[in-house]
N, C-alpha and C. Protein backbone atom coordinates (compact mmCIF):
# COMPACT_ATOMS: atom_id res chain seq x y z
N UNK A 1 -1.96 7.21 18.58
CA UNK A 1 -0.65 7.17 19.21
C UNK A 1 -0.53 8.36 20.15
N UNK A 2 0.26 8.16 21.18
CA UNK A 2 0.40 9.23 22.16
C UNK A 2 1.69 10.01 21.96
N UNK A 3 2.00 10.35 20.74
CA UNK A 3 3.14 11.21 20.50
C UNK A 3 4.39 10.46 20.07
N UNK A 4 5.48 11.21 19.90
CA UNK A 4 6.72 10.60 19.43
C UNK A 4 7.34 9.71 20.51
N UNK A 5 7.94 8.62 20.07
CA UNK A 5 8.61 7.70 20.99
C UNK A 5 10.10 7.98 20.94
N UNK A 6 10.60 8.49 22.03
CA UNK A 6 11.99 8.92 22.11
C UNK A 6 12.90 7.71 22.25
N UNK A 7 13.92 7.66 21.40
CA UNK A 7 14.91 6.59 21.51
C UNK A 7 15.93 6.99 22.56
N UNK A 8 16.58 8.11 22.34
CA UNK A 8 17.51 8.63 23.33
C UNK A 8 17.83 10.07 22.96
N UNK A 9 17.87 10.94 23.96
CA UNK A 9 18.16 12.35 23.70
C UNK A 9 17.04 13.00 22.90
N UNK A 10 17.39 13.62 21.80
CA UNK A 10 16.38 14.29 20.97
C UNK A 10 15.97 13.43 19.78
N UNK A 11 16.48 12.21 19.69
CA UNK A 11 16.16 11.33 18.56
C UNK A 11 14.92 10.52 18.90
N UNK A 12 13.93 10.55 18.02
CA UNK A 12 12.70 9.79 18.24
C UNK A 12 12.31 9.03 16.97
N UNK A 13 11.37 8.10 17.13
CA UNK A 13 10.89 7.31 15.99
C UNK A 13 10.01 8.19 15.11
N UNK A 14 10.32 8.31 13.83
CA UNK A 14 9.47 9.11 12.93
C UNK A 14 8.21 8.32 12.56
N UNK A 15 7.07 8.92 12.77
CA UNK A 15 5.78 8.25 12.50
C UNK A 15 5.66 7.83 11.04
N UNK A 16 6.22 8.60 10.13
CA UNK A 16 6.10 8.31 8.70
C UNK A 16 6.85 7.04 8.30
N UNK A 17 7.86 6.65 9.07
CA UNK A 17 8.66 5.48 8.72
C UNK A 17 8.19 4.20 9.42
N UNK A 18 7.14 4.28 10.20
CA UNK A 18 6.61 3.10 10.89
C UNK A 18 5.54 2.44 10.03
N UNK A 19 5.66 1.13 9.85
CA UNK A 19 4.68 0.37 9.08
C UNK A 19 3.90 -0.52 10.03
N UNK A 20 2.60 -0.33 10.09
CA UNK A 20 1.74 -1.07 11.00
C UNK A 20 1.00 -2.17 10.24
N UNK A 21 0.83 -3.33 10.88
CA UNK A 21 0.02 -4.40 10.31
C UNK A 21 -0.78 -5.01 11.45
N UNK A 22 -2.04 -5.29 11.19
CA UNK A 22 -2.92 -5.81 12.24
C UNK A 22 -3.47 -7.16 11.82
N UNK A 23 -3.60 -8.05 12.79
CA UNK A 23 -4.18 -9.36 12.51
C UNK A 23 -4.87 -9.86 13.77
N UNK A 24 -5.55 -10.97 13.64
CA UNK A 24 -6.25 -11.53 14.79
C UNK A 24 -5.26 -12.18 15.73
N UNK A 25 -5.45 -11.92 17.01
CA UNK A 25 -4.57 -12.51 18.01
C UNK A 25 -4.89 -13.99 18.16
N UNK A 26 -3.86 -14.76 18.48
CA UNK A 26 -4.08 -16.19 18.70
C UNK A 26 -4.51 -16.39 20.15
N UNK A 27 -4.89 -17.60 20.47
CA UNK A 27 -5.25 -17.92 21.85
C UNK A 27 -6.74 -17.99 22.02
N UNK A 28 -7.17 -18.28 23.25
CA UNK A 28 -8.60 -18.45 23.51
C UNK A 28 -9.34 -17.13 23.30
N UNK A 29 -10.58 -17.24 22.91
CA UNK A 29 -11.35 -16.04 22.64
C UNK A 29 -12.76 -16.18 23.14
N UNK A 30 -13.58 -15.28 22.72
CA UNK A 30 -14.98 -15.28 23.09
C UNK A 30 -15.70 -14.43 22.09
N UNK A 31 -16.78 -13.86 22.50
CA UNK A 31 -17.49 -12.96 21.60
C UNK A 31 -16.56 -11.81 21.22
N UNK A 32 -16.60 -11.42 20.01
CA UNK A 32 -15.88 -10.27 19.48
C UNK A 32 -14.37 -10.52 19.29
N UNK A 33 -13.77 -11.43 20.06
CA UNK A 33 -12.32 -11.61 19.98
C UNK A 33 -11.91 -12.20 18.65
N UNK A 34 -12.67 -13.16 18.15
CA UNK A 34 -12.29 -13.84 16.92
C UNK A 34 -12.55 -12.99 15.68
N UNK A 35 -13.19 -11.87 15.84
CA UNK A 35 -13.51 -11.04 14.67
C UNK A 35 -12.72 -9.74 14.64
N UNK A 36 -11.95 -9.43 15.70
CA UNK A 36 -11.25 -8.14 15.71
C UNK A 36 -9.75 -8.33 15.54
N UNK A 37 -9.15 -7.43 14.82
CA UNK A 37 -7.72 -7.48 14.56
C UNK A 37 -6.98 -6.72 15.66
N UNK A 38 -6.60 -7.44 16.72
CA UNK A 38 -5.98 -6.77 17.85
C UNK A 38 -4.47 -6.98 17.91
N UNK A 39 -3.94 -8.01 17.25
CA UNK A 39 -2.49 -8.21 17.25
C UNK A 39 -1.85 -7.16 16.34
N UNK A 40 -0.76 -6.58 16.82
CA UNK A 40 -0.09 -5.51 16.09
C UNK A 40 1.32 -5.95 15.73
N UNK A 41 1.69 -5.72 14.48
CA UNK A 41 3.08 -5.93 14.05
C UNK A 41 3.58 -4.58 13.56
N UNK A 42 4.64 -4.12 14.18
CA UNK A 42 5.22 -2.82 13.83
C UNK A 42 6.56 -3.08 13.16
N UNK A 43 6.75 -2.50 11.98
CA UNK A 43 7.99 -2.69 11.23
C UNK A 43 8.66 -1.34 11.03
N UNK A 44 10.01 -1.37 11.10
CA UNK A 44 10.80 -0.15 10.95
C UNK A 44 11.99 -0.48 10.08
N UNK A 45 12.12 0.24 8.96
CA UNK A 45 13.21 0.00 8.02
C UNK A 45 14.48 0.67 8.55
N UNK A 46 15.25 -0.10 9.27
CA UNK A 46 16.46 0.41 9.91
C UNK A 46 17.55 0.72 8.90
N UNK A 47 17.64 -0.07 7.85
CA UNK A 47 18.70 0.11 6.86
C UNK A 47 18.55 1.41 6.06
N UNK A 48 17.32 1.84 5.83
CA UNK A 48 17.09 3.01 4.98
C UNK A 48 16.61 4.25 5.72
N UNK A 49 16.63 4.23 7.03
CA UNK A 49 16.13 5.38 7.78
C UNK A 49 17.14 6.52 7.80
N UNK A 50 16.61 7.73 7.85
CA UNK A 50 17.44 8.92 7.98
C UNK A 50 17.26 9.54 9.37
N UNK A 51 16.45 8.92 10.20
CA UNK A 51 16.14 9.48 11.52
C UNK A 51 17.26 9.27 12.52
N UNK A 52 18.09 8.27 12.31
CA UNK A 52 19.17 7.97 13.25
C UNK A 52 20.49 8.54 12.75
N UNK A 53 21.34 9.01 13.66
CA UNK A 53 22.68 9.43 13.26
C UNK A 53 23.44 8.23 12.67
N UNK A 54 24.34 8.46 11.72
CA UNK A 54 25.04 7.35 11.05
C UNK A 54 25.74 6.38 11.99
N UNK A 55 26.34 6.89 13.06
CA UNK A 55 27.05 6.02 14.01
C UNK A 55 26.06 5.10 14.71
N UNK A 56 24.93 5.64 15.13
CA UNK A 56 23.90 4.85 15.80
C UNK A 56 23.34 3.79 14.85
N UNK A 57 23.15 4.22 13.61
CA UNK A 57 22.58 3.31 12.61
C UNK A 57 23.50 2.11 12.38
N UNK A 58 24.79 2.37 12.23
CA UNK A 58 25.77 1.28 12.06
C UNK A 58 25.75 0.34 13.25
N UNK A 59 25.75 0.92 14.44
CA UNK A 59 25.75 0.14 15.68
C UNK A 59 24.50 -0.74 15.77
N UNK A 60 23.35 -0.16 15.46
CA UNK A 60 22.08 -0.89 15.53
C UNK A 60 22.03 -2.00 14.48
N UNK A 61 22.49 -1.71 13.27
CA UNK A 61 22.50 -2.74 12.22
C UNK A 61 23.39 -3.91 12.62
N UNK A 62 24.51 -3.61 13.26
CA UNK A 62 25.43 -4.67 13.69
C UNK A 62 24.83 -5.50 14.82
N UNK A 63 24.25 -4.83 15.81
CA UNK A 63 23.74 -5.54 16.99
C UNK A 63 22.43 -6.27 16.72
N UNK A 64 21.62 -5.74 15.82
CA UNK A 64 20.32 -6.37 15.54
C UNK A 64 20.35 -7.25 14.29
N UNK A 65 21.55 -7.53 13.76
CA UNK A 65 21.68 -8.30 12.51
C UNK A 65 20.89 -9.61 12.52
N UNK A 66 20.94 -10.43 13.58
CA UNK A 66 20.18 -11.69 13.53
C UNK A 66 18.67 -11.48 13.50
N UNK A 67 18.23 -10.34 13.92
CA UNK A 67 16.80 -10.07 14.03
C UNK A 67 16.23 -9.37 12.79
N UNK A 68 17.10 -8.84 11.94
CA UNK A 68 16.66 -8.07 10.77
C UNK A 68 16.31 -8.98 9.60
N UNK A 69 15.29 -8.58 8.87
CA UNK A 69 14.92 -9.27 7.63
C UNK A 69 14.94 -8.21 6.54
N UNK A 70 15.97 -8.23 5.72
CA UNK A 70 16.10 -7.23 4.66
C UNK A 70 16.29 -5.82 5.21
N UNK A 71 16.94 -5.69 6.35
CA UNK A 71 17.19 -4.39 6.94
C UNK A 71 16.02 -3.82 7.72
N UNK A 72 14.96 -4.63 7.88
CA UNK A 72 13.75 -4.18 8.58
C UNK A 72 13.63 -4.92 9.91
N UNK A 73 13.43 -4.17 10.98
CA UNK A 73 13.22 -4.77 12.30
C UNK A 73 11.71 -4.77 12.56
N UNK A 74 11.24 -5.88 13.15
CA UNK A 74 9.80 -6.03 13.36
C UNK A 74 9.52 -6.42 14.81
N UNK A 75 8.45 -5.84 15.37
CA UNK A 75 8.06 -6.10 16.76
C UNK A 75 6.57 -6.42 16.77
N UNK A 76 6.18 -7.41 17.58
CA UNK A 76 4.77 -7.79 17.69
C UNK A 76 4.26 -7.57 19.10
N UNK A 77 2.97 -7.26 19.21
CA UNK A 77 2.33 -7.13 20.51
C UNK A 77 0.91 -7.66 20.40
N UNK A 78 0.55 -8.55 21.33
CA UNK A 78 -0.83 -9.06 21.34
C UNK A 78 -1.30 -9.37 22.75
N UNK A 79 -0.68 -8.74 23.75
CA UNK A 79 -1.03 -9.03 25.14
C UNK A 79 -2.39 -8.48 25.53
N UNK A 80 -2.73 -7.33 24.99
CA UNK A 80 -3.97 -6.65 25.40
C UNK A 80 -5.11 -6.96 24.45
N UNK A 81 -6.32 -6.73 24.92
CA UNK A 81 -7.49 -7.00 24.09
C UNK A 81 -7.78 -5.86 23.13
N UNK A 82 -7.26 -4.69 23.40
CA UNK A 82 -7.55 -3.57 22.51
C UNK A 82 -6.36 -3.32 21.58
N UNK A 83 -6.69 -2.99 20.35
CA UNK A 83 -5.66 -2.73 19.35
C UNK A 83 -4.84 -1.51 19.73
N UNK A 84 -5.48 -0.50 20.29
CA UNK A 84 -4.78 0.73 20.66
C UNK A 84 -3.69 0.45 21.68
N UNK A 85 -4.00 -0.35 22.71
CA UNK A 85 -3.00 -0.65 23.74
C UNK A 85 -1.87 -1.51 23.17
N UNK A 86 -2.20 -2.40 22.24
CA UNK A 86 -1.16 -3.20 21.58
C UNK A 86 -0.27 -2.32 20.70
N UNK A 87 -0.85 -1.29 20.08
CA UNK A 87 -0.05 -0.35 19.29
C UNK A 87 0.93 0.38 20.19
N UNK A 88 0.44 0.84 21.32
CA UNK A 88 1.31 1.53 22.28
C UNK A 88 2.45 0.61 22.73
N UNK A 89 2.09 -0.63 23.06
CA UNK A 89 3.07 -1.59 23.54
C UNK A 89 4.14 -1.87 22.47
N UNK A 90 3.72 -2.04 21.23
CA UNK A 90 4.67 -2.33 20.15
C UNK A 90 5.61 -1.14 19.92
N UNK A 91 5.08 0.07 19.95
CA UNK A 91 5.91 1.26 19.73
C UNK A 91 6.92 1.44 20.86
N UNK A 92 6.49 1.21 22.09
CA UNK A 92 7.40 1.34 23.23
C UNK A 92 8.49 0.27 23.14
N UNK A 93 8.10 -0.96 22.77
CA UNK A 93 9.08 -2.04 22.61
C UNK A 93 10.11 -1.72 21.55
N UNK A 94 9.64 -1.21 20.42
CA UNK A 94 10.57 -0.86 19.33
C UNK A 94 11.52 0.25 19.77
N UNK A 95 11.00 1.26 20.45
CA UNK A 95 11.85 2.37 20.91
C UNK A 95 12.89 1.87 21.90
N UNK A 96 12.51 0.98 22.82
CA UNK A 96 13.48 0.49 23.80
C UNK A 96 14.49 -0.45 23.14
N UNK A 97 14.05 -1.22 22.15
CA UNK A 97 14.96 -2.10 21.41
C UNK A 97 16.02 -1.26 20.68
N UNK A 98 15.58 -0.19 20.03
CA UNK A 98 16.52 0.68 19.31
C UNK A 98 17.42 1.44 20.28
N UNK A 99 16.88 1.84 21.43
CA UNK A 99 17.71 2.54 22.43
C UNK A 99 18.82 1.63 22.93
N UNK A 100 18.47 0.37 23.16
CA UNK A 100 19.48 -0.59 23.63
C UNK A 100 20.51 -0.88 22.54
N UNK A 101 20.03 -1.01 21.30
CA UNK A 101 20.93 -1.35 20.19
C UNK A 101 21.86 -0.19 19.81
N UNK A 102 21.43 1.05 20.06
CA UNK A 102 22.25 2.19 19.68
C UNK A 102 23.10 2.72 20.82
N UNK A 103 22.98 2.12 21.99
CA UNK A 103 23.74 2.59 23.16
C UNK A 103 25.23 2.41 22.92
N UNK A 104 26.04 3.32 23.44
CA UNK A 104 27.49 3.15 23.27
C UNK A 104 27.99 1.92 24.01
N UNK A 105 29.06 1.31 23.52
CA UNK A 105 29.56 0.11 24.20
C UNK A 105 30.05 0.47 25.60
N UNK A 106 29.93 -0.47 26.55
CA UNK A 106 30.37 -0.16 27.91
C UNK A 106 31.89 0.00 27.97
N UNK A 107 32.34 0.79 28.94
CA UNK A 107 33.78 0.97 29.10
C UNK A 107 34.41 -0.34 29.51
N UNK A 108 35.60 -0.64 29.01
CA UNK A 108 36.25 -1.89 29.41
C UNK A 108 36.59 -1.87 30.89
N UNK A 109 36.46 -3.01 31.53
CA UNK A 109 36.72 -3.11 32.96
C UNK A 109 38.22 -3.08 33.21
N UNK A 110 38.60 -2.25 34.17
CA UNK A 110 40.00 -2.20 34.57
C UNK A 110 40.21 -3.20 35.69
N UNK A 111 41.15 -4.09 35.51
CA UNK A 111 41.43 -5.07 36.54
C UNK A 111 42.04 -4.37 37.75
N UNK A 112 41.51 -4.68 38.92
CA UNK A 112 42.04 -4.08 40.15
C UNK A 112 42.45 -5.19 41.10
N UNK A 113 43.34 -4.86 41.98
CA UNK A 113 43.83 -5.84 42.95
C UNK A 113 42.89 -5.86 44.15
N UNK A 114 42.65 -7.05 44.69
CA UNK A 114 41.81 -7.17 45.87
C UNK A 114 42.60 -6.63 47.06
N UNK A 115 42.01 -5.72 47.84
CA UNK A 115 42.72 -5.17 48.99
C UNK A 115 43.10 -6.27 50.00
N UNK A 116 44.25 -6.12 50.59
CA UNK A 116 44.77 -7.15 51.50
C UNK A 116 43.84 -7.38 52.69
N UNK A 117 43.24 -6.31 53.21
CA UNK A 117 42.35 -6.45 54.36
C UNK A 117 41.15 -7.32 54.06
N UNK A 118 40.57 -7.17 52.86
CA UNK A 118 39.40 -7.96 52.48
C UNK A 118 39.78 -9.43 52.36
N UNK A 119 40.93 -9.69 51.77
CA UNK A 119 41.38 -11.08 51.61
C UNK A 119 41.65 -11.72 52.97
N UNK A 120 42.30 -10.96 53.88
CA UNK A 120 42.58 -11.49 55.21
C UNK A 120 41.29 -11.78 55.98
N UNK A 121 40.31 -10.89 55.86
CA UNK A 121 39.03 -11.09 56.53
C UNK A 121 38.34 -12.34 55.99
N UNK A 122 38.39 -12.53 54.69
CA UNK A 122 37.77 -13.73 54.08
C UNK A 122 38.43 -14.99 54.61
N UNK A 123 39.76 -15.01 54.67
CA UNK A 123 40.47 -16.19 55.17
C UNK A 123 40.20 -16.42 56.66
N UNK A 124 40.09 -15.33 57.44
CA UNK A 124 39.80 -15.45 58.87
C UNK A 124 38.41 -16.06 59.08
N UNK A 125 37.41 -15.59 58.31
CA UNK A 125 36.05 -16.13 58.42
C UNK A 125 36.01 -17.60 57.98
N UNK A 126 36.79 -17.92 56.97
CA UNK A 126 36.85 -19.29 56.47
C UNK A 126 37.43 -20.23 57.53
N UNK A 127 38.48 -19.78 58.18
CA UNK A 127 39.13 -20.58 59.22
C UNK A 127 38.18 -20.76 60.41
N UNK A 128 37.47 -19.71 60.78
CA UNK A 128 36.53 -19.77 61.90
C UNK A 128 35.41 -20.76 61.59
N UNK A 129 34.91 -20.72 60.36
CA UNK A 129 33.83 -21.64 59.94
C UNK A 129 34.33 -23.08 59.98
N UNK A 130 35.58 -23.29 59.56
CA UNK A 130 36.12 -24.64 59.56
C UNK A 130 36.29 -25.16 60.98
N UNK A 131 36.70 -24.28 61.92
CA UNK A 131 36.81 -24.66 63.34
C UNK A 131 35.44 -25.06 63.89
N UNK A 132 34.41 -24.28 63.54
CA UNK A 132 33.05 -24.58 63.99
C UNK A 132 32.62 -25.95 63.50
N UNK A 133 32.88 -26.25 62.25
CA UNK A 133 32.47 -27.54 61.68
C UNK A 133 33.29 -28.68 62.25
N UNK A 134 34.57 -28.44 62.51
CA UNK A 134 35.40 -29.49 63.07
C UNK A 134 34.93 -29.84 64.49
N UNK A 135 34.38 -28.86 65.19
CA UNK A 135 33.89 -29.10 66.54
C UNK A 135 32.62 -29.93 66.57
N UNK A 136 32.01 -30.18 65.42
CA UNK A 136 30.75 -30.97 65.35
C UNK A 136 31.00 -32.44 65.08
N UNK A 137 32.25 -32.90 65.04
CA UNK A 137 32.52 -34.29 64.65
C UNK A 137 32.02 -35.29 65.68
N UNK A 138 31.90 -34.90 66.92
CA UNK A 138 31.40 -35.83 67.94
C UNK A 138 32.47 -36.64 68.59
N UNK A 139 33.71 -36.43 68.24
CA UNK A 139 34.80 -37.17 68.87
C UNK A 139 35.01 -36.64 70.28
N UNK A 140 35.26 -37.54 71.20
CA UNK A 140 35.53 -37.14 72.57
C UNK A 140 34.27 -36.82 73.35
N UNK A 141 33.09 -37.30 72.91
CA UNK A 141 31.85 -37.04 73.62
C UNK A 141 31.49 -38.17 74.59
N UNK A 142 32.26 -39.24 74.62
CA UNK A 142 31.85 -40.40 75.39
C UNK A 142 31.95 -40.28 76.85
């Protein structure tokens, strides 16, 4: 592994809490492919971790609820032929998934009024377009 995977700020994935599982990747193969365990499944026990602040943990458990199995989130990677690159890919995916799940909710949108000038310009362009199209009817060409 190439070091800690930062979720956000100073919070990172603790290596001790990551559970790795390797298996053979599916799909077409050749020599060596059918005998090497290159697919990576990375599991992280979100419900029992102490690495995340309590607020982030609650937020992540709520947002990732459909994806959790017994409080554990799991990510798979099998795009690359080497196990090491698949490990990197799975760890980065898990870190970005947790970063997205722990992000604060967006600020509510404040409704604003459309400026009068923009509305008038839109109506003026609409009227001009309609005049252009009306001029294409072919009436009076005889």
